[in-house]
Protein backbone atom coordinates (compact mmCIF):
# COMPACT_ATOMS: atom_id res chain seq x y z
CA UNK A 1 0.22 0.02 -0.22
CA UNK A 2 1.22 3.64 -1.06
CA UNK A 3 1.95 5.78 1.91
CA UNK A 4 1.99 9.87 0.83
CA UNK A 5 3.07 12.31 3.65
CA UNK A 6 2.98 15.43 2.52
CA UNK A 7 5.84 18.27 3.92
CA UNK A 8 5.01 21.73 3.33
CA UNK A 9 8.08 23.41 1.48
CA UNK A 10 10.56 25.79 4.30
CA UNK A 11 10.58 29.58 3.92
CA UNK A 12 14.57 29.74 4.39
CA UNK A 13 15.89 31.53 1.70
CA UNK A 14 17.97 29.64 -0.63
CA UNK A 15 20.73 30.58 -2.39
CA UNK A 16 21.62 29.57 -6.08
CA UNK A 17 24.81 28.32 -6.49
CA UNK A 18 25.69 29.09 -10.18
CA UNK A 19 27.10 26.17 -11.75
CA UNK A 20 29.16 25.82 -14.81
CA UNK A 21 29.71 23.09 -17.51
CA UNK A 22 32.53 20.54 -17.24
CA UNK A 23 34.39 20.66 -20.43
CA UNK A 24 36.66 17.73 -21.83
CA UNK A 25 38.26 20.60 -23.96
CA UNK A 26 38.59 24.61 -23.48
CA UNK A 27 37.27 27.27 -25.80
CA UNK A 28 40.53 28.10 -27.12
CA UNK A 29 41.86 25.00 -28.66
CA UNK A 30 41.90 24.81 -32.30
CA UNK A 31 38.63 24.50 -34.34
CA UNK A 32 38.18 20.63 -34.79
CA UNK A 33 35.87 18.85 -37.39
CA UNK A 34 32.51 17.49 -36.26
CA UNK A 35 33.77 13.80 -35.91
CA UNK A 36 36.82 14.66 -33.32
CA UNK A 37 34.48 14.99 -30.55
CA UNK A 38 33.34 11.43 -30.30
CA UNK A 39 36.87 10.43 -29.55
CA UNK A 40 37.32 12.85 -26.41
CA UNK A 41 37.93 11.44 -22.77
CA UNK A 42 34.90 12.39 -20.61
CA UNK A 43 34.70 12.76 -16.98
CA UNK A 44 31.07 11.75 -15.54
CA UNK A 45 28.33 14.22 -15.77
CA UNK A 46 25.04 14.48 -14.31
CA UNK A 47 22.72 11.32 -15.61
CA UNK A 48 24.92 11.03 -18.69
CA UNK A 49 23.75 14.19 -20.36
CA UNK A 50 25.72 16.35 -22.61
CA UNK A 51 25.30 18.49 -25.37
CA UNK A 52 28.28 20.35 -27.54
CA UNK A 53 28.38 23.89 -29.07
CA UNK A 54 30.01 24.43 -31.82
CA UNK A 55 31.45 28.28 -33.19
CA UNK A 56 30.62 27.38 -36.85
CA UNK A 57 27.73 25.74 -38.91
CA UNK A 58 27.70 22.01 -39.46
CA UNK A 59 29.00 21.19 -36.14
CA UNK A 60 32.66 22.57 -36.63
CA UNK A 61 35.05 25.39 -35.33
CA UNK A 62 35.73 25.60 -31.75
CA UNK A 63 33.28 23.81 -29.18
CA UNK A 64 32.27 23.71 -25.75
CA UNK A 65 30.96 20.61 -23.58
CA UNK A 66 27.85 21.19 -21.57
CA UNK A 67 26.77 18.49 -18.98
CA UNK A 68 24.84 20.27 -16.35
CA UNK A 69 22.13 22.93 -16.06
CA UNK A 70 24.42 26.47 -16.64
CA UNK A 71 23.03 29.61 -16.10
CA UNK A 72 25.68 31.77 -17.33
CA UNK A 73 27.60 30.19 -20.24
CA UNK A 74 30.08 33.10 -20.85
CA UNK A 75 31.17 31.90 -24.16
CA UNK A 76 33.26 34.19 -25.78
CA UNK A 77 32.01 33.12 -29.46
CA UNK A 78 28.38 32.75 -30.49
CA UNK A 79 27.25 29.48 -30.94
CA UNK A 80 26.07 28.74 -34.60
CA UNK A 81 25.30 24.67 -34.43
CA UNK A 82 24.64 22.27 -31.46
CA UNK A 83 25.26 18.40 -30.89
CA UNK A 84 23.06 16.78 -28.34
CA UNK A 85 24.67 13.89 -27.64
CA UNK A 86 21.79 12.96 -24.94
CA UNK A 87 18.96 14.11 -23.31
CA UNK A 88 16.81 17.23 -24.39
CA UNK A 89 18.37 20.85 -23.63
CA UNK A 90 16.25 24.03 -23.50
CA UNK A 91 18.94 27.01 -24.67
CA UNK A 92 18.21 30.58 -23.83
CA UNK A 93 19.85 33.80 -25.45
CA UNK A 94 19.85 35.25 -21.93
CA UNK A 95 21.02 34.50 -18.48
CA UNK A 96 19.32 32.42 -16.07
CA UNK A 97 17.47 30.87 -18.61
CA UNK A 98 15.91 34.24 -19.62
CA UNK A 99 15.29 35.81 -23.04
CA UNK A 100 14.51 33.46 -26.31
CA UNK A 101 14.41 30.02 -25.30
CA UNK A 102 14.15 26.82 -27.40
CA UNK A 103 13.94 23.34 -26.33
CA UNK A 104 15.97 20.85 -28.51
CA UNK A 105 16.39 17.24 -28.53
CA UNK A 106 18.54 16.64 -31.71
CA UNK A 107 21.48 18.34 -33.73
CA UNK A 108 21.05 21.83 -34.53
CA UNK A 109 23.40 22.18 -37.73
CA UNK A 110 22.66 25.77 -38.57
CA UNK A 111 21.75 28.04 -35.44
CA UNK A 112 19.61 31.17 -36.53
CA UNK A 113 17.93 34.06 -35.09
CA UNK A 114 18.68 35.71 -31.57
CA UNK A 115 18.69 32.22 -30.17
CA UNK A 116 22.23 31.87 -31.57
CA UNK A 117 23.58 33.80 -29.21
CA UNK A 118 22.97 31.28 -26.01
CA UNK A 119 23.77 32.55 -22.49
CA UNK A 120 22.44 29.78 -20.52
CA UNK A 121 21.18 26.25 -21.19
CA UNK A 122 19.78 23.34 -19.00
CA UNK A 123 18.32 19.92 -19.53
CA UNK A 124 14.60 19.91 -19.34
CA UNK A 125 12.55 17.01 -17.87
CA UNK A 126 11.66 13.72 -19.67
CA UNK A 127 12.82 10.72 -21.20
CA UNK A 128 16.38 10.44 -21.43
CA UNK A 129 17.63 13.27 -18.85
CA UNK A 130 17.84 10.97 -15.89
CA UNK A 131 15.89 13.09 -13.88
CA UNK A 132 12.50 11.86 -14.43
CA UNK A 133 9.20 12.69 -15.63
CA UNK A 134 7.80 16.22 -15.63
CA UNK A 135 5.05 19.01 -16.00
CA UNK A 136 7.02 22.45 -17.01
CA UNK A 137 5.15 25.58 -16.86
CA UNK A 138 6.65 29.49 -17.19
CA UNK A 139 7.45 29.90 -13.60
CA UNK A 140 7.85 25.94 -12.35
CA UNK A 141 8.32 22.64 -12.98
CA UNK A 142 6.52 19.32 -10.97
CA UNK A 143 8.45 16.36 -10.45
CA UNK A 144 6.38 13.41 -9.65
CA UNK A 145 9.05 11.18 -8.96
CA UNK A 146 12.46 12.86 -9.29
CA UNK A 147 15.64 10.80 -9.84
CA UNK A 148 19.22 11.65 -9.72
CA UNK A 149 21.03 9.80 -12.16
CA UNK A 150 18.21 7.61 -13.14
CA UNK A 151 17.43 6.49 -9.92
CA UNK A 152 14.58 7.43 -7.28
CA UNK A 153 16.01 9.42 -4.65
CA UNK A 154 15.89 7.85 -0.94
CA UNK A 155 15.37 9.59 2.21
CA UNK A 156 13.79 9.32 5.81
CA UNK A 157 12.47 12.16 7.37
CA UNK A 158 11.12 15.54 6.89
CA UNK A 159 14.12 17.68 6.87
CA UNK A 160 15.85 15.30 4.76
CA UNK A 161 13.11 15.21 1.89
CA UNK A 162 13.28 19.27 2.20
CA UNK A 163 16.99 19.39 1.39
CA UNK A 164 17.00 16.82 -0.98
CA UNK A 165 14.56 18.24 -2.67
CA UNK A 166 15.97 21.70 -2.64
CA UNK A 167 19.12 20.01 -3.77
CA UNK A 168 17.19 18.24 -6.78
CA UNK A 169 15.56 21.51 -7.76
CA UNK A 170 19.10 23.51 -8.10
CA UNK A 171 21.03 20.27 -10.10
CA UNK A 172 18.02 21.03 -12.68
CA UNK A 173 18.44 24.66 -13.39
CA UNK A 174 15.82 26.07 -10.57
CA UNK A 175 16.74 27.60 -7.31
CA UNK A 176 14.10 26.15 -4.77
CA UNK A 177 11.63 23.49 -4.23
CA UNK A 178 8.23 24.77 -3.36
CA UNK A 179 6.73 21.71 -2.15
CA UNK A 180 7.54 18.09 -1.60
CA UNK A 181 6.41 14.88 -0.02
CA UNK A 182 7.68 11.69 0.87
CA UNK A 183 6.63 8.33 -0.89
CA UNK A 184 7.18 4.64 0.02
CA UNK A 185 7.70 2.12 -1.98
CA UNK A 186 8.24 -1.54 -1.36
CA UNK A 187 8.77 -0.39 2.10
CA UNK A 188 11.44 2.54 1.65
CA UNK A 189 10.96 6.20 1.49
CA UNK A 190 11.42 8.12 -1.85
CA UNK A 191 11.14 12.12 -2.50
CA UNK A 192 8.31 12.57 -4.63
CA UNK A 193 6.08 15.26 -5.74
CA UNK A 194 8.59 17.97 -5.78
CA UNK A 195 7.68 21.56 -7.40
CA UNK A 196 10.87 23.43 -8.71
CA UNK A 197 10.81 27.10 -8.99
CA UNK A 198 12.46 30.37 -9.07
CA UNK A 199 11.44 31.69 -5.91
CA UNK A 200 9.99 30.14 -2.54
CA UNK A 201 6.66 31.61 -3.01
């Protein structure tokens, strides 16, 4: 039998720690062909997610690997193409996921318009992202069964659920969990029904 324990979100302020994408190569390396990134050595990343930005069309030129929510890319060049190695990504023309945004789940060989100046990007909830299915709105996103690296988040107690929910929301590009719950599955307590947002209220 499934037992749901509702826990109100805390009102403590949560400070957003700006994350930076881990790169296998730096942006100032010599331009490369589209085939070369396939052979790059890779460090572990969030749930196996990765997208690669290129300075030229057709997946060529200088490149930068993004493997986690990145509110400020701070690239020295405009991205003109993107390789989506895994997951689904939101790319935005402004910092902190503002401005013109698009969601992509496949390679983009010719980026055009204002979104070409990509200032921030993050994985979205859904299949293949390792964070669980979600329902995304303009100012919040709901995860009924949030996951970390493809696995449910186990936790015991209300304070643990709150801290884990906040950490989860920050990991997927939001700032705070407005609410969360504990769900008993096969005798184990799992974090569930997490509502991520930019503000606590």
